[in-house]
Amino acid sequence: MASLPAERREQIEAHKQECLERYRQALELACSIHAQRRDKGNGWRMWAERELAAHPELEREARAKLNRLMKGQTSDRA
């Protein structure tokens, strides 16, 4: 990466920051849903689906993280 022009390195860094922010937001959404599921009672799954659908840009990643949380696997291994 050191051999790339400064402009290209900046583009790569900006893209990396966008990806990390999206990852953080997806993780926060999944953790929020997981934490609130008991408060929502029997209808928590429908509520969770609505919460995920309200964030289409995060839905896939948040759903994967939520599934891992539900299985008790808190690591981020793929």
C-alpha atoms as a PDB file:
ATOM      1  CA  MET A   1       0.000   0.000   0.000  1.00  0.00           C
ATOM      2  CA  ALA A   2       2.966   2.293   0.577  1.00  0.00           C
ATOM      3  CA  SER A   3       3.686   2.278  -3.155  1.00  0.00           C
ATOM      4  CA  LEU A   4       0.205   3.575  -4.002  1.00  0.00           C
ATOM      5  CA  PRO A   5      -0.398   7.261  -4.644  1.00  0.00           C
ATOM      6  CA  ALA A   6      -1.581   9.266  -1.622  1.00  0.00           C
ATOM      7  CA  GLU A   7      -5.027   9.808  -3.184  1.00  0.00           C
ATOM      8  CA  ARG A   8      -5.574   6.052  -3.616  1.00  0.00           C
ATOM      9  CA  ARG A   9      -4.426   5.339  -0.043  1.00  0.00           C
ATOM     10  CA  GLU A  10      -6.909   7.936   1.227  1.00  0.00           C
ATOM     11  CA  GLN A  11      -9.706   6.287  -0.772  1.00  0.00           C
ATOM     12  CA  ILE A  12      -8.829   2.901   0.709  1.00  0.00           C
ATOM     13  CA  GLU A  13      -8.736   4.329   4.238  1.00  0.00           C
ATOM     14  CA  ALA A  14     -12.088   6.085   3.731  1.00  0.00           C
ATOM     15  CA  HIS A  15     -13.661   2.854   2.482  1.00  0.00           C
ATOM     16  CA  LYS A  16     -12.210   0.967   5.432  1.00  0.00           C
ATOM     17  CA  GLN A  17     -13.696   3.506   7.845  1.00  0.00           C
ATOM     18  CA  GLU A  18     -17.120   3.201   6.175  1.00  0.00           C
ATOM     19  CA  CYS A  19     -16.988  -0.584   6.493  1.00  0.00           C
ATOM     20  CA  LEU A  20     -15.949  -0.430  10.144  1.00  0.00           C
ATOM     21  CA  GLU A  21     -18.754   2.019  10.930  1.00  0.00           C
ATOM     22  CA  ARG A  22     -21.329  -0.199   9.203  1.00  0.00           C
ATOM     23  CA  TYR A  23     -19.968  -3.211  11.129  1.00  0.00           C
ATOM     24  CA  ARG A  24     -20.244  -1.300  14.424  1.00  0.00           C
ATOM     25  CA  GLN A  25     -23.808  -0.221  13.641  1.00  0.00           C
ATOM     26  CA  ALA A  26     -24.824  -3.785  12.743  1.00  0.00           C
ATOM     27  CA  LEU A  27     -23.297  -5.083  15.962  1.00  0.00           C
ATOM     28  CA  GLU A  28     -25.112  -2.436  18.010  1.00  0.00           C
ATOM     29  CA  LEU A  29     -28.422  -3.276  16.312  1.00  0.00           C
ATOM     30  CA  ALA A  30     -27.990  -6.996  16.955  1.00  0.00           C
ATOM     31  CA  CYS A  31     -27.027  -6.425  20.592  1.00  0.00           C
ATOM     32  CA  SER A  32     -29.957  -4.066  21.090  1.00  0.00           C
ATOM     33  CA  ILE A  33     -32.435  -6.584  19.683  1.00  0.00           C
ATOM     34  CA  HIS A  34     -30.897  -9.388  21.730  1.00  0.00           C
ATOM     35  CA  ALA A  35     -31.038  -7.321  24.935  1.00  0.00           C
ATOM     36  CA  GLN A  36     -34.675  -6.279  24.416  1.00  0.00           C
ATOM     37  CA  ARG A  37     -36.092  -9.645  23.388  1.00  0.00           C
ATOM     38  CA  ARG A  38     -37.257 -10.573  26.898  1.00  0.00           C
ATOM     39  CA  ASP A  39     -39.065  -7.241  27.309  1.00  0.00           C
ATOM     40  CA  LYS A  40     -41.013  -7.808  24.091  1.00  0.00           C
ATOM     41  CA  GLY A  41     -42.572 -11.081  25.249  1.00  0.00           C
ATOM     42  CA  ASN A  42     -43.905 -13.674  22.817  1.00  0.00           C
ATOM     43  CA  GLY A  43     -44.013 -11.228  19.908  1.00  0.00           C
ATOM     44  CA  TRP A  44     -40.313 -10.433  20.052  1.00  0.00           C
ATOM     45  CA  ARG A  45     -39.504 -12.278  16.812  1.00  0.00           C
ATOM     46  CA  MET A  46     -41.938 -10.189  14.776  1.00  0.00           C
ATOM     47  CA  TRP A  47     -40.605  -7.055  16.459  1.00  0.00           C
ATOM     48  CA  ALA A  48     -37.020  -8.147  15.694  1.00  0.00           C
ATOM     49  CA  GLU A  49     -37.910  -8.721  12.029  1.00  0.00           C
ATOM     50  CA  ARG A  50     -39.364  -5.211  11.817  1.00  0.00           C
ATOM     51  CA  GLU A  51     -36.264  -3.738  13.475  1.00  0.00           C
ATOM     52  CA  LEU A  52     -33.983  -5.561  11.033  1.00  0.00           C
ATOM     53  CA  ALA A  53     -36.124  -4.607   8.022  1.00  0.00           C
ATOM     54  CA  ALA A  54     -36.000  -0.962   9.095  1.00  0.00           C
ATOM     55  CA  HIS A  55     -32.235  -1.036   8.486  1.00  0.00           C
ATOM     56  CA  PRO A  56     -31.788  -2.751   5.112  1.00  0.00           C
ATOM     57  CA  GLU A  57     -28.156  -1.644   4.844  1.00  0.00           C
ATOM     58  CA  LEU A  58     -27.378  -3.451   8.115  1.00  0.00           C
ATOM     59  CA  GLU A  59     -29.895  -6.297   7.989  1.00  0.00           C
ATOM     60  CA  ARG A  60     -27.697  -9.110   6.700  1.00  0.00           C
ATOM     61  CA  GLU A  61     -24.772  -8.467   9.044  1.00  0.00           C
ATOM     62  CA  ALA A  62     -27.003  -7.709  12.045  1.00  0.00           C
ATOM     63  CA  ARG A  63     -29.046 -10.864  11.427  1.00  0.00           C
ATOM     64  CA  ALA A  64     -25.883 -12.988  11.345  1.00  0.00           C
ATOM     65  CA  LYS A  65     -24.649 -11.442  14.596  1.00  0.00           C
ATOM     66  CA  LEU A  66     -28.056 -11.835  16.230  1.00  0.00           C
ATOM     67  CA  ASN A  67     -28.128 -15.501  15.242  1.00  0.00           C
ATOM     68  CA  ARG A  68     -24.704 -15.998  16.833  1.00  0.00           C
ATOM     69  CA  LEU A  69     -25.884 -14.232  19.994  1.00  0.00           C
ATOM     70  CA  MET A  70     -28.971 -16.431  20.137  1.00  0.00           C
ATOM     71  CA  LYS A  71     -26.796 -19.538  19.850  1.00  0.00           C
ATOM     72  CA  GLY A  72     -24.537 -18.232  22.597  1.00  0.00           C
ATOM     73  CA  GLN A  73     -21.564 -17.792  20.266  1.00  0.00           C
ATOM     74  CA  THR A  74     -20.277 -14.304  20.896  1.00  0.00           C
ATOM     75  CA  SER A  75     -17.135 -14.579  18.789  1.00  0.00           C
ATOM     76  CA  ASP A  76     -17.129 -13.071  15.309  1.00  0.00           C
ATOM     77  CA  ARG A  77     -15.810 -16.121  13.496  1.00  0.00           C
ATOM     78  CA  ALA A  78     -17.449 -16.613  10.118  1.00  0.00           C
END
